[in-house]
Amino acid sequence: MESLIGYNARRAALAIIGPVLQRLAPFELRVVDFSVLTVIAHNPGVTSRQVCAALDILPPNLVGLVRALEQRGLVEKRDHPRDRRAQGLYVTAVGAQVQARAQAAVGAVESSDLTHLDAHERATLIRLLRKIYLGPEA
């Protein structure tokens, strides 16, 4: 098993996810909520379709996630400037603060002693993982 990429990737993910969940708890965010909020924060005006593509989320599942973030006042929908059929998603001022603080907390986990990686190793690992899920163009 230890020679399998999937096995090792899963074990690494499990080692990180627990501490990440602990860091996200004060913000009342799950990993998927944080991911959606982060994509929106870094791409103001992004459409739901684009968020689904970026995170590999099914559209029906995203509807509830966005609704929950809207109800918390973290995200808002606005008319899309170029497509009348679509709405753009934007973080609110509160959403931007929550996202920035949550990203710092998650970043601290990933750059802590937990990963046992130096900066070069971390960059190499990210590059290789992206190559697996994006293909050769990564």
Protein backbone atom coordinates (compact mmCIF):
# COMPACT_ATOMS: atom_id res chain seq x y z
CA MET A 1 0.00 0.00 0.00
CA GLU A 2 2.77 2.44 0.86
CA SER A 3 3.93 2.44 -2.77
CA LEU A 4 0.52 3.75 -3.95
CA ILE A 5 0.09 7.47 -4.60
CA GLY A 6 -3.57 7.47 -3.58
CA TYR A 7 -2.86 5.76 -0.28
CA ASN A 8 -0.10 8.21 0.60
CA ALA A 9 -2.12 11.23 -0.56
CA ARG A 10 -5.05 10.12 1.60
CA ARG A 11 -2.83 9.55 4.66
CA ALA A 12 -1.28 13.01 4.21
CA ALA A 13 -4.72 14.58 3.85
CA LEU A 14 -5.92 12.88 7.02
CA ALA A 15 -2.89 14.16 8.94
CA ILE A 16 -3.74 17.74 7.93
CA ILE A 17 -7.54 17.76 7.92
CA GLY A 18 -8.00 17.34 11.69
CA PRO A 19 -5.95 20.41 12.60
CA VAL A 20 -7.55 22.35 9.72
CA LEU A 21 -11.02 21.54 11.05
CA GLN A 22 -9.97 22.75 14.49
CA ARG A 23 -8.69 26.02 13.01
CA LEU A 24 -11.90 26.55 10.99
CA ALA A 25 -14.25 25.79 13.91
CA PRO A 26 -14.08 29.29 15.46
CA PHE A 27 -15.25 30.69 12.11
CA GLU A 28 -18.09 28.14 11.95
CA LEU A 29 -16.77 26.95 8.58
CA ARG A 30 -16.36 23.47 7.21
CA VAL A 31 -13.63 22.80 4.65
CA VAL A 32 -16.11 23.05 1.77
CA ASP A 33 -17.52 26.35 3.10
CA PHE A 34 -14.00 27.73 3.41
CA SER A 35 -13.19 26.57 -0.12
CA VAL A 36 -16.27 28.23 -1.62
CA LEU A 37 -15.72 31.42 0.36
CA THR A 38 -12.06 31.51 -0.72
CA VAL A 39 -12.82 31.03 -4.41
CA ILE A 40 -15.37 33.85 -4.25
CA ALA A 41 -13.03 36.13 -2.27
CA HIS A 42 -10.20 35.66 -4.75
CA ASN A 43 -12.47 35.95 -7.81
CA PRO A 44 -15.03 38.72 -7.23
CA GLY A 45 -18.02 38.31 -9.51
CA VAL A 46 -17.37 34.61 -10.12
CA THR A 47 -20.46 32.69 -11.21
CA SER A 48 -21.83 29.61 -9.51
CA ARG A 49 -20.90 27.59 -12.58
CA GLN A 50 -17.29 28.74 -12.27
CA VAL A 51 -17.19 27.89 -8.56
CA CYS A 52 -18.53 24.41 -9.34
CA ALA A 53 -15.85 23.90 -11.97
CA ALA A 54 -13.06 25.19 -9.74
CA LEU A 55 -13.99 22.97 -6.80
CA ASP A 56 -15.59 20.03 -8.62
CA ILE A 57 -18.89 20.57 -6.81
CA LEU A 58 -22.25 19.61 -8.28
CA PRO A 59 -24.48 22.65 -8.90
CA PRO A 60 -27.33 21.44 -6.64
CA ASN A 61 -24.84 21.09 -3.77
CA LEU A 62 -23.44 24.57 -4.31
CA VAL A 63 -26.88 26.18 -4.06
CA GLY A 64 -27.20 25.26 -0.37
CA LEU A 65 -23.61 26.22 0.38
CA VAL A 66 -24.02 29.68 -1.14
CA ARG A 67 -27.39 30.16 0.55
CA ALA A 68 -25.86 29.38 3.95
CA LEU A 69 -22.99 31.82 3.34
CA GLU A 70 -25.52 34.46 2.24
CA GLN A 71 -27.62 33.94 5.37
CA ARG A 72 -24.52 34.49 7.48
CA GLY A 73 -23.82 37.73 5.63
CA LEU A 74 -20.54 36.48 4.18
CA VAL A 75 -21.50 36.38 0.49
CA GLU A 76 -23.90 38.29 -1.73
CA LYS A 77 -25.19 37.87 -5.27
CA ARG A 78 -25.22 40.71 -7.77
CA ASP A 79 -26.22 40.95 -11.39
CA HIS A 80 -23.39 39.79 -13.61
CA PRO A 81 -21.95 42.71 -15.59
CA ARG A 82 -21.66 40.77 -18.88
CA ASP A 83 -24.23 37.99 -18.68
CA ARG A 84 -27.84 38.84 -17.86
CA ARG A 85 -28.62 35.19 -17.17
CA ALA A 86 -25.99 34.86 -14.46
CA GLN A 87 -25.33 36.38 -11.08
CA GLY A 88 -21.89 37.17 -9.78
CA LEU A 89 -20.87 36.12 -6.29
CA TYR A 90 -19.04 38.54 -4.03
CA VAL A 91 -17.83 38.43 -0.45
CA THR A 92 -19.19 41.07 1.85
CA ALA A 93 -16.92 43.14 4.08
CA VAL A 94 -17.58 40.68 6.91
CA GLY A 95 -17.02 37.76 4.52
CA ALA A 96 -13.67 39.19 3.45
CA GLN A 97 -12.57 39.48 7.08
CA VAL A 98 -13.69 35.95 7.95
CA GLN A 99 -12.08 34.52 4.83
CA ALA A 100 -8.75 36.28 5.43
CA ARG A 101 -8.61 35.16 9.05
CA ALA A 102 -9.61 31.60 8.18
CA GLN A 103 -7.05 31.46 5.36
CA ALA A 104 -4.33 32.62 7.75
CA ALA A 105 -5.37 29.95 10.25
CA VAL A 106 -5.34 27.20 7.61
CA GLY A 107 -2.05 28.48 6.21
CA ALA A 108 -0.52 28.28 9.66
CA VAL A 109 -1.45 24.60 9.87
CA GLU A 110 0.06 23.85 6.48
CA SER A 111 3.28 25.70 7.16
CA SER A 112 3.68 24.43 10.70
CA ASP A 113 5.80 21.57 11.96
CA LEU A 114 2.83 19.33 11.14
CA THR A 115 3.85 18.94 7.50
CA HIS A 116 7.58 18.49 8.13
CA LEU A 117 8.27 20.21 4.79
CA ASP A 118 10.56 23.11 4.04
CA ALA A 119 9.45 25.78 1.56
CA HIS A 120 11.07 24.05 -1.43
CA GLU A 121 9.56 20.66 -0.56
CA ARG A 122 6.15 22.27 -0.06
CA ALA A 123 6.31 23.95 -3.47
CA THR A 124 7.41 20.69 -5.10
CA LEU A 125 4.60 18.73 -3.45
CA ILE A 126 1.98 21.26 -4.55
CA ARG A 127 3.36 21.24 -8.10
CA LEU A 128 3.24 17.44 -8.24
CA LEU A 129 -0.25 17.19 -6.77
CA ARG A 130 -1.51 19.77 -9.27
CA LYS A 131 0.06 17.73 -12.06
CA ILE A 132 -1.99 14.72 -10.94
CA TYR A 133 -5.35 16.50 -10.90
CA LEU A 134 -4.80 19.02 -13.70
CA GLY A 135 -2.72 16.87 -16.02
CA PRO A 136 0.44 17.77 -17.91
CA GLU A 137 -0.58 21.43 -18.39
CA ALA A 138 -0.15 22.01 -14.66
